[in-house]
Amino acid sequence: MEFLECIKKRIIQDDELKNGLYSLIIYGSFVRGDFLENVSDLDFFAVIIKDESIIPKLKQVLEDCIKEVNAVEVDLAWEYLENIGDPLRKGVPFKFLTIYQEDFLENHIVVYGKDIADVLPKYKFEDLLDWRIERILKLIKRSKGNTKLMHILAGETARLLALINGAKSLRKNDIMNILEKIQDEEAIEIYRAYLDGRKLKFDENFLVRFIESRMTKTKMERQC
């Protein structure tokens, strides 16, 4: 993991970054072990003490250090330290801190600074499922007209379906195995397109119908 040492060294050498960051964490597929070259992102989470103006400089450091990793892109999420104690109601309720928190806690590495595992409130997947369904339905309008975002939202819908139906983790093989088990052909097709180089092969109407139908059905089933 030479690129992580590169990032840490660059932060330590820069007083603005060193003093502005409470923590920098890498999480997700790279740490889980199901990272796919030229398909997966490298997911980082920065906890900022008080000044978000350091984010562009930090993003540049990350991009400089990960050039040999063959990630699609650097995905840098960030939040203020004061909001970490209640991310669901303060700041941005990132899914990796809320409904997928268990995966984050099991699969993260502190690159610089302090861990946040003991600072985060503990959430359970089942307790936040209704909230996540409503959030996905609301995001449809925001994603319309953006092919990439709509494919991402459809992929997230497929992944959520797999977890609801018994997937034990966010590992790509676990998700695909459950989608095949429940025989949701459209979800399988969408998820395979993602695994096959993130192909944007579906039109917007198909994706909207898929997301709305699966999330609405799940919502109704949970209300029964």
Protein backbone atom coordinates (compact mmCIF):
# COMPACT_ATOMS: atom_id res chain seq x y z
CA MET A 1 0.00 0.00 0.00
CA GLU A 2 2.72 2.44 -1.02
CA PHE A 3 0.15 5.00 -2.14
CA LEU A 4 -1.18 5.28 1.43
CA GLU A 5 2.30 6.06 2.69
CA CYS A 6 2.60 8.67 -0.06
CA ILE A 7 -0.64 10.31 1.09
CA LYS A 8 0.34 10.29 4.75
CA LYS A 9 3.76 11.74 3.99
CA ARG A 10 2.30 14.54 1.87
CA ILE A 11 -0.19 15.46 4.61
CA ILE A 12 2.48 15.54 7.31
CA GLN A 13 4.65 17.79 5.16
CA ASP A 14 1.83 20.31 4.67
CA ASP A 15 0.93 22.31 7.78
CA GLU A 16 -2.45 23.37 6.41
CA LEU A 17 -3.51 19.76 5.80
CA LYS A 18 -1.87 18.43 8.95
CA ASN A 19 -3.60 20.95 11.18
CA GLY A 20 -6.95 20.95 9.36
CA LEU A 21 -7.57 17.21 9.27
CA TYR A 22 -8.87 15.27 12.23
CA SER A 23 -8.84 12.07 10.20
CA LEU A 24 -8.42 10.70 6.70
CA ILE A 25 -9.82 7.21 6.13
CA ILE A 26 -9.87 4.84 3.16
CA TYR A 27 -12.79 2.43 3.11
CA GLY A 28 -14.88 0.36 0.74
CA SER A 29 -13.87 -2.14 -1.93
CA PHE A 30 -10.12 -1.57 -1.70
CA VAL A 31 -10.14 -2.46 1.99
CA ARG A 32 -12.77 -5.22 1.61
CA GLY A 33 -10.68 -6.92 -1.05
CA ASP A 34 -13.13 -6.76 -3.96
CA PHE A 35 -11.59 -3.75 -5.71
CA LEU A 36 -11.71 -4.07 -9.51
CA GLU A 37 -9.19 -2.16 -11.59
CA ASN A 38 -10.79 0.31 -14.01
CA VAL A 39 -14.21 -0.33 -12.39
CA SER A 40 -13.95 0.62 -8.71
CA ASP A 41 -13.35 3.98 -7.09
CA LEU A 42 -10.94 4.57 -4.26
CA ASP A 43 -13.18 5.76 -1.42
CA PHE A 44 -11.79 8.22 1.10
CA PHE A 45 -13.47 10.03 3.97
CA ALA A 46 -11.97 13.19 5.47
CA VAL A 47 -13.05 14.55 8.83
CA ILE A 48 -12.36 18.29 8.89
CA ILE A 49 -11.75 20.19 12.09
CA LYS A 50 -13.15 23.54 10.94
CA ASP A 51 -12.04 24.70 7.46
CA GLU A 52 -13.30 22.96 4.31
CA SER A 53 -10.99 25.05 2.11
CA ILE A 54 -8.36 22.32 2.48
CA ILE A 55 -10.46 19.84 0.48
CA PRO A 56 -9.20 20.81 -3.04
CA LYS A 57 -5.59 20.51 -1.86
CA LEU A 58 -6.31 17.16 -0.22
CA LYS A 59 -8.05 15.89 -3.38
CA GLN A 60 -4.97 16.80 -5.40
CA VAL A 61 -2.71 14.91 -2.97
CA LEU A 62 -4.90 11.83 -3.30
CA GLU A 63 -4.95 12.00 -7.09
CA ASP A 64 -1.16 12.45 -7.22
CA CYS A 65 -0.52 9.44 -4.99
CA ILE A 66 -2.97 6.92 -6.51
CA LYS A 67 -1.97 7.17 -10.17
CA GLU A 68 -0.66 3.59 -10.29
CA VAL A 69 -3.72 2.01 -8.67
CA ASN A 70 -5.98 2.05 -11.77
CA ALA A 71 -9.04 3.31 -9.95
CA VAL A 72 -11.80 4.96 -11.97
CA GLU A 73 -11.59 8.01 -9.74
CA VAL A 74 -10.94 9.27 -6.24
CA ASP A 75 -14.19 9.58 -4.32
CA LEU A 76 -13.51 11.97 -1.44
CA ALA A 77 -16.36 12.53 0.99
CA TRP A 78 -15.90 14.87 3.92
CA GLU A 79 -17.66 16.07 7.03
CA TYR A 80 -16.97 18.40 9.95
CA LEU A 81 -15.84 16.77 13.17
CA GLU A 82 -18.70 18.38 15.09
CA ASN A 83 -21.25 16.49 12.94
CA ILE A 84 -19.74 13.02 13.26
CA GLY A 85 -21.56 12.33 16.51
CA ASP A 86 -24.92 12.41 14.67
CA PRO A 87 -24.43 12.10 10.88
CA LEU A 88 -28.06 11.12 10.26
CA ARG A 89 -29.39 14.50 11.46
CA LYS A 90 -26.39 16.81 11.11
CA GLY A 91 -24.37 17.46 8.01
CA VAL A 92 -24.58 14.84 5.24
CA PRO A 93 -26.01 11.38 6.11
CA PHE A 94 -23.55 9.42 3.95
CA LYS A 95 -24.72 5.85 3.43
CA PHE A 96 -21.36 4.45 4.55
CA LEU A 97 -21.80 6.19 7.92
CA THR A 98 -25.47 5.27 8.32
CA ILE A 99 -27.21 2.30 6.71
CA TYR A 100 -23.95 0.67 5.55
CA GLN A 101 -22.08 1.60 8.69
CA GLU A 102 -21.28 -2.01 9.61
CA ASP A 103 -19.31 -2.46 6.39
CA PHE A 104 -17.48 0.83 6.97
CA LEU A 105 -16.50 -0.11 10.51
CA GLU A 106 -15.26 -3.55 9.41
CA ASN A 107 -13.45 -2.31 6.31
CA HIS A 108 -11.63 0.97 6.88
CA ILE A 109 -8.04 2.05 7.39
CA VAL A 110 -6.98 5.29 9.05
CA VAL A 111 -4.47 6.89 6.69
CA TYR A 112 -3.87 9.94 8.85
CA GLY A 113 -5.12 11.17 12.23
CA LYS A 114 -7.57 9.44 14.55
CA ASP A 115 -10.15 6.72 14.07
CA ILE A 116 -13.80 7.76 14.29
CA ALA A 117 -15.22 4.34 15.17
CA ASP A 118 -15.80 5.30 18.79
CA VAL A 119 -17.25 8.71 17.88
CA LEU A 120 -19.98 7.45 15.53
CA PRO A 121 -23.36 6.47 16.96
CA LYS A 122 -24.14 2.87 16.15
CA TYR A 123 -26.82 2.30 13.50
CA LYS A 124 -28.44 -0.96 12.39
CA PHE A 125 -29.31 -1.72 8.77
CA GLU A 126 -32.89 -2.73 9.54
CA ASP A 127 -33.57 0.43 11.56
CA LEU A 128 -32.57 2.70 8.66
CA LEU A 129 -34.05 0.72 5.77
CA ASP A 130 -37.28 2.73 5.46
CA TRP A 131 -35.25 5.96 5.54
CA ARG A 132 -32.95 4.67 2.78
CA ILE A 133 -35.86 3.63 0.56
CA GLU A 134 -37.44 7.08 0.84
CA ARG A 135 -34.09 8.74 0.13
CA ILE A 136 -33.57 6.70 -3.04
CA LEU A 137 -37.06 7.58 -4.27
CA LYS A 138 -36.38 11.28 -3.68
CA LEU A 139 -33.04 11.07 -5.49
CA ILE A 140 -34.73 10.00 -8.72
CA LYS A 141 -35.81 13.58 -9.52
CA ARG A 142 -32.32 14.92 -8.74
CA SER A 143 -30.71 12.32 -11.03
CA LYS A 144 -32.95 12.84 -14.06
CA GLY A 145 -31.07 14.08 -17.09
CA ASN A 146 -27.75 12.77 -15.74
CA THR A 147 -27.11 9.33 -17.22
CA LYS A 148 -24.22 8.54 -14.91
CA LEU A 149 -26.10 9.45 -11.73
CA MET A 150 -29.18 7.50 -12.80
CA HIS A 151 -27.09 4.37 -13.43
CA ILE A 152 -25.45 4.80 -10.02
CA LEU A 153 -28.87 5.09 -8.36
CA ALA A 154 -30.12 2.00 -10.19
CA GLY A 155 -27.01 0.10 -9.11
CA GLU A 156 -27.58 1.18 -5.53
CA THR A 157 -31.17 -0.05 -5.80
CA ALA A 158 -29.95 -3.45 -7.00
CA ARG A 159 -27.45 -3.64 -4.16
CA LEU A 160 -30.06 -2.70 -1.58
CA LEU A 161 -32.39 -5.41 -2.92
CA ALA A 162 -29.63 -7.97 -2.45
CA LEU A 163 -29.01 -6.90 1.13
CA ILE A 164 -32.73 -6.96 1.94
CA ASN A 165 -32.89 -10.49 0.55
CA GLY A 166 -30.01 -11.89 2.55
CA ALA A 167 -26.64 -10.76 1.19
CA LYS A 168 -24.17 -11.02 4.05
CA SER A 169 -21.91 -8.18 2.95
CA LEU A 170 -21.32 -5.51 0.32
CA ARG A 171 -18.84 -7.73 -1.51
CA LYS A 172 -19.65 -7.81 -5.20
CA ASN A 173 -19.87 -11.61 -5.34
CA ASP A 174 -22.29 -11.67 -2.39
CA ILE A 175 -24.52 -9.08 -4.04
CA MET A 176 -24.57 -10.88 -7.40
CA ASN A 177 -25.21 -14.28 -5.83
CA ILE A 178 -28.35 -13.01 -4.08
CA LEU A 179 -29.63 -11.18 -7.16
CA GLU A 180 -29.30 -14.44 -9.09
CA LYS A 181 -30.98 -16.33 -6.27
CA ILE A 182 -34.03 -14.05 -6.26
CA GLN A 183 -34.02 -14.12 -10.08
CA ASP A 184 -34.45 -10.41 -10.62
CA GLU A 185 -33.21 -10.31 -14.21
CA GLU A 186 -33.27 -6.52 -14.54
CA ALA A 187 -31.31 -6.05 -11.32
CA ILE A 188 -28.79 -8.65 -12.52
CA GLU A 189 -28.42 -6.89 -15.88
CA ILE A 190 -27.88 -3.50 -14.21
CA TYR A 191 -25.34 -4.84 -11.73
CA ARG A 192 -23.45 -6.77 -14.42
CA ALA A 193 -23.20 -3.60 -16.53
CA TYR A 194 -21.54 -1.92 -13.54
CA LEU A 195 -19.08 -4.78 -13.07
CA ASP A 196 -18.34 -4.75 -16.80
CA GLY A 197 -16.57 -1.41 -16.76
CA ARG A 198 -19.50 0.68 -15.54
CA LYS A 199 -21.23 0.58 -18.89
CA LEU A 200 -23.99 3.18 -19.24
CA LYS A 201 -26.16 0.96 -21.42
CA PHE A 202 -29.71 1.71 -20.27
CA ASP A 203 -32.03 4.58 -21.10
CA GLU A 204 -33.41 6.82 -18.39
CA ASN A 205 -37.00 5.60 -18.62
CA PHE A 206 -35.92 2.00 -18.00
CA LEU A 207 -33.80 3.00 -15.00
CA VAL A 208 -36.51 5.20 -13.46
CA ARG A 209 -39.09 2.45 -13.83
CA PHE A 210 -36.71 -0.10 -12.29
CA ILE A 211 -35.86 2.06 -9.27
CA GLU A 212 -39.45 3.17 -8.61
CA SER A 213 -40.94 -0.31 -8.99
CA ARG A 214 -38.43 -2.07 -6.74
CA MET A 215 -38.37 0.55 -4.02
CA THR A 216 -42.15 1.05 -4.01
CA LYS A 217 -42.74 -2.71 -3.83
CA THR A 218 -40.25 -3.05 -0.98
CA LYS A 219 -41.85 -0.15 0.86
CA MET A 220 -45.33 -1.68 0.56
CA GLU A 221 -44.09 -5.10 1.69
CA ARG A 222 -42.57 -3.56 4.79
CA GLN A 223 -45.82 -1.79 5.64
CA CYS A 224 -47.85 -5.02 5.55
